[in-house]
Amino acid sequence: MRKISKVNVLPDYRLQLTFDDGVSGPVDLSGLVGKGVFALWRDRRFFEQVRIGSLGELAWGDQIDLCPDALYLRVTGKNPEDVFPALRREPTLA
């Protein structure tokens, strides 16, 4: 599991993320704004209160958190199988 080690807020609901392996890049979260719990982000000041949680996830208060692995895939453009090789294994049939 990857962890986010640094986050910077960018314009237009984007964040610059740095992960524990040194990978860094922007992630665009604007498509989530206003949907479900992400309605809280309509207040830009709330969005800007992003912090890194104890498990390396992004968190906004106790209302929203985002998985660092999912964000890693978005930043790198990789497939889950590229990051988690165990997903490539062929199932064994008994």
C-alpha atoms as a PDB file:
ATOM      1  CA  MET A   1       0.000   0.000   0.000  1.00  0.00           C
ATOM      2  CA  ARG A   2       1.299   3.420  -0.972  1.00  0.00           C
ATOM      3  CA  LYS A   3       1.108   6.371   1.381  1.00  0.00           C
ATOM      4  CA  ILE A   4       0.879  10.028   0.565  1.00  0.00           C
ATOM      5  CA  SER A   5       3.739  11.951   2.133  1.00  0.00           C
ATOM      6  CA  LYS A   6       2.968  15.469   0.876  1.00  0.00           C
ATOM      7  CA  VAL A   7      -0.066  17.322  -0.497  1.00  0.00           C
ATOM      8  CA  ASN A   8      -0.374  20.817  -1.952  1.00  0.00           C
ATOM      9  CA  VAL A   9      -3.632  22.423  -3.033  1.00  0.00           C
ATOM     10  CA  LEU A  10      -3.719  23.646  -6.643  1.00  0.00           C
ATOM     11  CA  PRO A  11      -6.382  25.704  -8.464  1.00  0.00           C
ATOM     12  CA  ASP A  12      -9.574  24.133  -9.832  1.00  0.00           C
ATOM     13  CA  TYR A  13      -9.917  21.326  -7.259  1.00  0.00           C
ATOM     14  CA  ARG A  14      -6.588  19.738  -8.100  1.00  0.00           C
ATOM     15  CA  LEU A  15      -3.936  18.521  -5.688  1.00  0.00           C
ATOM     16  CA  GLN A  16      -0.220  17.936  -6.117  1.00  0.00           C
ATOM     17  CA  LEU A  17       0.605  14.656  -4.378  1.00  0.00           C
ATOM     18  CA  THR A  18       3.900  13.080  -3.395  1.00  0.00           C
ATOM     19  CA  PHE A  19       3.963   9.420  -2.384  1.00  0.00           C
ATOM     20  CA  ASP A  20       6.303   7.506  -0.093  1.00  0.00           C
ATOM     21  CA  ASP A  21       8.152   6.020  -3.105  1.00  0.00           C
ATOM     22  CA  GLY A  22       8.959   9.493  -4.503  1.00  0.00           C
ATOM     23  CA  VAL A  23       6.304   9.481  -7.224  1.00  0.00           C
ATOM     24  CA  SER A  24       4.741  12.913  -7.545  1.00  0.00           C
ATOM     25  CA  GLY A  25       2.054  14.431  -9.717  1.00  0.00           C
ATOM     26  CA  PRO A  26      -1.243  16.267  -9.891  1.00  0.00           C
ATOM     27  CA  VAL A  27      -4.661  14.715  -9.421  1.00  0.00           C
ATOM     28  CA  ASP A  28      -7.850  16.399 -10.611  1.00  0.00           C
ATOM     29  CA  LEU A  29     -10.754  15.927  -8.210  1.00  0.00           C
ATOM     30  CA  SER A  30     -13.067  18.490  -9.810  1.00  0.00           C
ATOM     31  CA  GLY A  31     -15.329  15.754 -11.183  1.00  0.00           C
ATOM     32  CA  LEU A  32     -16.310  14.782  -7.633  1.00  0.00           C
ATOM     33  CA  VAL A  33     -17.328  18.246  -6.436  1.00  0.00           C
ATOM     34  CA  GLY A  34     -20.988  18.396  -5.488  1.00  0.00           C
ATOM     35  CA  LYS A  35     -21.628  14.645  -5.682  1.00  0.00           C
ATOM     36  CA  GLY A  36     -22.775  12.905  -2.495  1.00  0.00           C
ATOM     37  CA  VAL A  37     -20.478  13.622   0.414  1.00  0.00           C
ATOM     38  CA  PHE A  38     -18.302  15.712  -1.921  1.00  0.00           C
ATOM     39  CA  ALA A  39     -20.980  18.422  -1.798  1.00  0.00           C
ATOM     40  CA  LEU A  40     -18.904  19.695   1.133  1.00  0.00           C
ATOM     41  CA  TRP A  41     -16.227  20.690  -1.383  1.00  0.00           C
ATOM     42  CA  ARG A  42     -18.514  23.338  -2.882  1.00  0.00           C
ATOM     43  CA  ASP A  43     -17.034  25.424  -0.082  1.00  0.00           C
ATOM     44  CA  ARG A  44     -13.544  25.830  -1.516  1.00  0.00           C
ATOM     45  CA  ARG A  45     -12.212  26.620   1.969  1.00  0.00           C
ATOM     46  CA  PHE A  46     -13.292  23.164   3.132  1.00  0.00           C
ATOM     47  CA  PHE A  47     -11.500  21.545   0.182  1.00  0.00           C
ATOM     48  CA  GLU A  48      -8.341  23.467   1.037  1.00  0.00           C
ATOM     49  CA  GLN A  49      -8.350  21.935   4.559  1.00  0.00           C
ATOM     50  CA  VAL A  50      -7.082  18.625   3.152  1.00  0.00           C
ATOM     51  CA  ARG A  51      -4.629  16.756   5.370  1.00  0.00           C
ATOM     52  CA  ILE A  52      -2.778  13.462   5.306  1.00  0.00           C
ATOM     53  CA  GLY A  53      -4.315  10.878   7.618  1.00  0.00           C
ATOM     54  CA  SER A  54      -2.513   8.358   9.800  1.00  0.00           C
ATOM     55  CA  LEU A  55      -2.635   5.678   7.054  1.00  0.00           C
ATOM     56  CA  GLY A  56      -1.304   7.971   4.331  1.00  0.00           C
ATOM     57  CA  GLU A  57      -4.752   8.765   2.945  1.00  0.00           C
ATOM     58  CA  LEU A  58      -6.178  12.184   2.164  1.00  0.00           C
ATOM     59  CA  ALA A  59      -8.732  13.377   4.691  1.00  0.00           C
ATOM     60  CA  TRP A  60     -11.100  16.269   5.160  1.00  0.00           C
ATOM     61  CA  GLY A  61     -12.211  16.346   8.774  1.00  0.00           C
ATOM     62  CA  ASP A  62     -13.927  13.100   9.678  1.00  0.00           C
ATOM     63  CA  GLN A  63     -16.332  13.343   6.744  1.00  0.00           C
ATOM     64  CA  ILE A  64     -14.207  12.425   3.701  1.00  0.00           C
ATOM     65  CA  ASP A  65     -11.150  10.303   3.068  1.00  0.00           C
ATOM     66  CA  LEU A  66      -9.619   9.057  -0.166  1.00  0.00           C
ATOM     67  CA  CYS A  67      -7.592   5.876  -0.588  1.00  0.00           C
ATOM     68  CA  PRO A  68      -3.921   6.530  -1.381  1.00  0.00           C
ATOM     69  CA  ASP A  69      -3.743   3.493  -3.688  1.00  0.00           C
ATOM     70  CA  ALA A  70      -6.582   4.769  -5.870  1.00  0.00           C
ATOM     71  CA  LEU A  71      -4.946   8.191  -6.024  1.00  0.00           C
ATOM     72  CA  TYR A  72      -1.601   6.586  -6.892  1.00  0.00           C
ATOM     73  CA  LEU A  73      -3.222   4.856  -9.867  1.00  0.00           C
ATOM     74  CA  ARG A  74      -4.712   8.165 -11.025  1.00  0.00           C
ATOM     75  CA  VAL A  75      -1.410  10.033 -10.696  1.00  0.00           C
ATOM     76  CA  THR A  76       0.668   7.372 -12.440  1.00  0.00           C
ATOM     77  CA  GLY A  77      -1.886   6.167 -14.991  1.00  0.00           C
ATOM     78  CA  LYS A  78      -1.020   2.590 -14.060  1.00  0.00           C
ATOM     79  CA  ASN A  79      -3.398  -0.349 -13.892  1.00  0.00           C
ATOM     80  CA  PRO A  80      -4.026  -2.086 -10.553  1.00  0.00           C
ATOM     81  CA  GLU A  81      -2.135  -5.160 -11.828  1.00  0.00           C
ATOM     82  CA  ASP A  82       0.970  -3.005 -12.406  1.00  0.00           C
ATOM     83  CA  VAL A  83       1.019  -1.835  -8.787  1.00  0.00           C
ATOM     84  CA  PHE A  84      -0.276  -5.029  -7.180  1.00  0.00           C
ATOM     85  CA  PRO A  85       1.361  -7.985  -8.996  1.00  0.00           C
ATOM     86  CA  ALA A  86      -0.678 -10.527  -7.012  1.00  0.00           C
ATOM     87  CA  LEU A  87      -3.687  -9.444  -9.076  1.00  0.00           C
ATOM     88  CA  ARG A  88      -2.026 -10.967 -12.171  1.00  0.00           C
ATOM     89  CA  ARG A  89      -1.985 -14.487 -10.808  1.00  0.00           C
ATOM     90  CA  GLU A  90      -4.078 -16.997 -12.620  1.00  0.00           C
ATOM     91  CA  PRO A  91      -6.630 -18.698 -10.398  1.00  0.00           C
ATOM     92  CA  THR A  92      -5.748 -22.235  -9.403  1.00  0.00           C
ATOM     93  CA  LEU A  93      -8.425 -24.767  -9.988  1.00  0.00           C
ATOM     94  CA  ALA A  94      -8.778 -27.685  -7.635  1.00  0.00           C
END
